[in-house]
C-alpha cells in the first residue's frame, strides 16, 4: 500500500515519541479549549461596568 513521504515521516515521528499525540492534545487544551461561558456572570459583569466618556483625555465638561 502506498504511503506518501509525509505520512511515513509522521508515522516514524510517532514511533520515536509515543507521547507526542498526548502532548499535542494538552497544548491544544491549554490554548484553545475554553470553559463554557456562564451567561448570568457575564451579564453581571456587563452591568457593573463604569461608562467611559467619549473623549477620555478631557474631563472638564
N, C-alpha and C. Protein backbone atom coordinates (compact mmCIF):
# COMPACT_ATOMS: atom_id res chain seq x y z
N UNK A 1 0.84 -1.17 0.00
CA UNK A 1 0.00 0.00 0.00
C UNK A 1 0.90 1.25 0.00
N UNK A 2 0.54 2.20 -0.83
CA UNK A 2 1.35 3.41 -0.98
C UNK A 2 1.15 4.35 0.21
N UNK A 3 2.25 4.91 0.71
CA UNK A 3 2.21 5.95 1.72
C UNK A 3 3.12 7.08 1.26
N UNK A 4 2.61 8.29 1.35
CA UNK A 4 3.41 9.44 0.94
C UNK A 4 4.57 9.64 1.91
N UNK A 5 5.50 10.47 1.49
CA UNK A 5 6.67 10.76 2.34
C UNK A 5 6.24 11.41 3.66
N UNK A 6 5.26 12.26 3.59
CA UNK A 6 4.80 12.96 4.79
C UNK A 6 4.16 11.97 5.76
N UNK A 7 3.34 11.06 5.24
CA UNK A 7 2.72 10.05 6.10
C UNK A 7 3.78 9.17 6.75
N UNK A 8 4.78 8.79 6.00
CA UNK A 8 5.86 7.98 6.56
C UNK A 8 6.60 8.75 7.65
N UNK A 9 6.85 10.03 7.39
CA UNK A 9 7.54 10.86 8.38
C UNK A 9 6.73 10.95 9.68
N UNK A 10 5.43 11.18 9.57
CA UNK A 10 4.59 11.30 10.76
C UNK A 10 4.54 9.98 11.52
N UNK A 11 4.44 8.88 10.80
CA UNK A 11 4.43 7.56 11.46
C UNK A 11 5.75 7.30 12.20
N UNK A 12 6.87 7.67 11.57
CA UNK A 12 8.18 7.50 12.23
C UNK A 12 8.28 8.39 13.46
N UNK A 13 7.79 9.60 13.34
CA UNK A 13 7.82 10.54 14.47
C UNK A 13 7.01 10.00 15.64
N UNK A 14 5.85 9.42 15.35
CA UNK A 14 5.01 8.85 16.41
C UNK A 14 5.67 7.61 17.02
N UNK A 15 6.39 6.86 16.23
CA UNK A 15 7.10 5.69 16.76
C UNK A 15 8.24 6.11 17.70
N UNK A 16 8.94 7.17 17.33
CA UNK A 16 10.04 7.66 18.16
C UNK A 16 9.55 8.30 19.46
N UNK A 17 8.43 8.97 19.38
CA UNK A 17 7.89 9.68 20.54
C UNK A 17 6.41 9.31 20.70
N UNK A 18 6.11 8.23 21.42
CA UNK A 18 4.71 7.80 21.57
C UNK A 18 3.83 8.79 22.34
N UNK A 19 4.44 9.67 23.12
CA UNK A 19 3.67 10.64 23.90
C UNK A 19 3.34 11.90 23.09
N UNK A 20 3.73 11.95 21.86
CA UNK A 20 3.57 13.15 21.04
C UNK A 20 2.10 13.58 20.93
N UNK A 21 1.24 12.65 20.64
CA UNK A 21 -0.18 12.99 20.47
C UNK A 21 -0.80 13.49 21.77
N UNK A 22 -0.43 12.90 22.88
CA UNK A 22 -0.93 13.35 24.18
C UNK A 22 -0.45 14.77 24.48
N UNK A 23 0.81 15.05 24.18
CA UNK A 23 1.35 16.39 24.40
C UNK A 23 0.65 17.41 23.50
N UNK A 24 0.34 17.02 22.28
CA UNK A 24 -0.36 17.92 21.37
C UNK A 24 -1.76 18.24 21.90
N UNK A 25 -2.44 17.23 22.42
CA UNK A 25 -3.78 17.45 22.96
C UNK A 25 -3.73 18.35 24.20
N UNK A 26 -2.72 18.18 25.03
CA UNK A 26 -2.58 19.04 26.22
C UNK A 26 -2.30 20.49 25.80
N UNK A 27 -1.47 20.67 24.79
CA UNK A 27 -1.19 22.02 24.29
C UNK A 27 -2.41 22.67 23.71
N UNK A 28 -3.19 21.91 22.98
CA UNK A 28 -4.41 22.45 22.40
C UNK A 28 -5.38 22.86 23.51
N UNK A 29 -5.52 22.01 24.52
CA UNK A 29 -6.43 22.31 25.62
C UNK A 29 -5.99 23.58 26.35
N UNK A 30 -4.69 23.77 26.47
CA UNK A 30 -4.17 24.94 27.16
C UNK A 30 -4.49 26.23 26.41
N UNK A 31 -4.38 26.20 25.08
CA UNK A 31 -4.52 27.43 24.31
C UNK A 31 -5.90 27.64 23.68
N UNK A 32 -6.60 26.58 23.34
CA UNK A 32 -7.81 26.75 22.54
C UNK A 32 -9.10 26.32 23.22
N UNK A 33 -9.08 25.24 23.96
CA UNK A 33 -10.30 24.75 24.58
C UNK A 33 -10.65 25.61 25.78
N UNK A 34 -11.81 26.23 25.75
CA UNK A 34 -12.23 27.14 26.80
C UNK A 34 -13.41 26.56 27.57
N UNK A 35 -13.56 27.01 28.80
CA UNK A 35 -14.69 26.60 29.62
C UNK A 35 -15.96 27.27 29.09
N UNK A 36 -17.11 26.64 29.28
CA UNK A 36 -18.37 27.28 28.86
C UNK A 36 -18.58 28.61 29.59
N UNK A 37 -19.20 29.53 28.93
CA UNK A 37 -19.45 30.86 29.49
C UNK A 37 -20.69 30.81 30.37
N UNK A 38 -20.57 31.33 31.58
CA UNK A 38 -21.71 31.47 32.47
C UNK A 38 -22.43 32.76 32.09
N UNK A 39 -23.61 32.66 31.50
CA UNK A 39 -24.29 33.83 30.98
C UNK A 39 -24.74 34.78 32.08
N UNK A 40 -25.12 34.27 33.24
CA UNK A 40 -25.51 35.14 34.35
C UNK A 40 -24.32 35.96 34.84
N UNK A 41 -23.16 35.33 34.95
CA UNK A 41 -21.95 36.04 35.38
C UNK A 41 -21.55 37.08 34.35
N UNK A 42 -21.65 36.74 33.09
CA UNK A 42 -21.30 37.68 32.03
C UNK A 42 -22.23 38.90 32.05
N UNK A 43 -23.52 38.66 32.25
CA UNK A 43 -24.47 39.77 32.34
C UNK A 43 -24.15 40.66 33.52
N UNK A 44 -23.83 40.06 34.68
CA UNK A 44 -23.49 40.83 35.86
C UNK A 44 -22.25 41.70 35.62
N UNK A 45 -21.25 41.14 34.94
CA UNK A 45 -20.05 41.91 34.64
C UNK A 45 -20.34 43.07 33.70
N UNK A 46 -21.17 42.86 32.72
CA UNK A 46 -21.51 43.93 31.78
C UNK A 46 -22.29 45.04 32.47
N UNK A 47 -23.18 44.67 33.38
CA UNK A 47 -23.97 45.68 34.08
C UNK A 47 -23.15 46.45 35.10
N UNK A 48 -22.08 45.88 35.60
CA UNK A 48 -21.28 46.55 36.63
C UNK A 48 -20.18 47.42 36.04
N UNK A 49 -20.07 47.48 34.73
CA UNK A 49 -19.05 48.34 34.11
C UNK A 49 -19.38 49.81 34.28
N UNK A 50 -18.34 50.60 34.43
CA UNK A 50 -18.49 52.04 34.54
C UNK A 50 -18.38 52.62 33.14
N UNK A 51 -19.33 53.47 32.79
CA UNK A 51 -19.32 54.06 31.46
C UNK A 51 -18.13 54.98 31.25
N UNK A 52 -17.63 55.02 30.03
CA UNK A 52 -16.48 55.84 29.70
C UNK A 52 -16.94 57.04 28.89
N UNK A 53 -16.35 58.21 29.17
CA UNK A 53 -16.69 59.40 28.41
C UNK A 53 -16.16 59.28 26.99
N UNK A 54 -16.79 59.99 26.04
CA UNK A 54 -16.37 59.86 24.66
C UNK A 54 -14.92 60.28 24.41
N UNK A 55 -14.46 61.34 25.09
CA UNK A 55 -13.10 61.79 24.92
C UNK A 55 -12.41 61.69 26.28
N UNK A 56 -11.65 60.64 26.50
CA UNK A 56 -11.16 60.32 27.84
C UNK A 56 -10.08 61.27 28.36
N UNK A 57 -9.43 62.03 27.49
CA UNK A 57 -8.34 62.89 27.94
C UNK A 57 -8.81 64.25 28.42
N UNK A 58 -10.03 64.58 28.18
CA UNK A 58 -10.56 65.87 28.61
C UNK A 58 -11.75 65.61 29.52
N UNK A 59 -11.59 65.86 30.83
CA UNK A 59 -12.61 65.51 31.81
C UNK A 59 -13.40 66.72 32.31
N UNK A 60 -13.11 67.93 31.84
CA UNK A 60 -13.76 69.13 32.36
C UNK A 60 -14.98 69.51 31.51
N UNK A 61 -16.07 68.81 31.70
CA UNK A 61 -17.28 69.13 30.93
C UNK A 61 -18.18 70.00 31.72
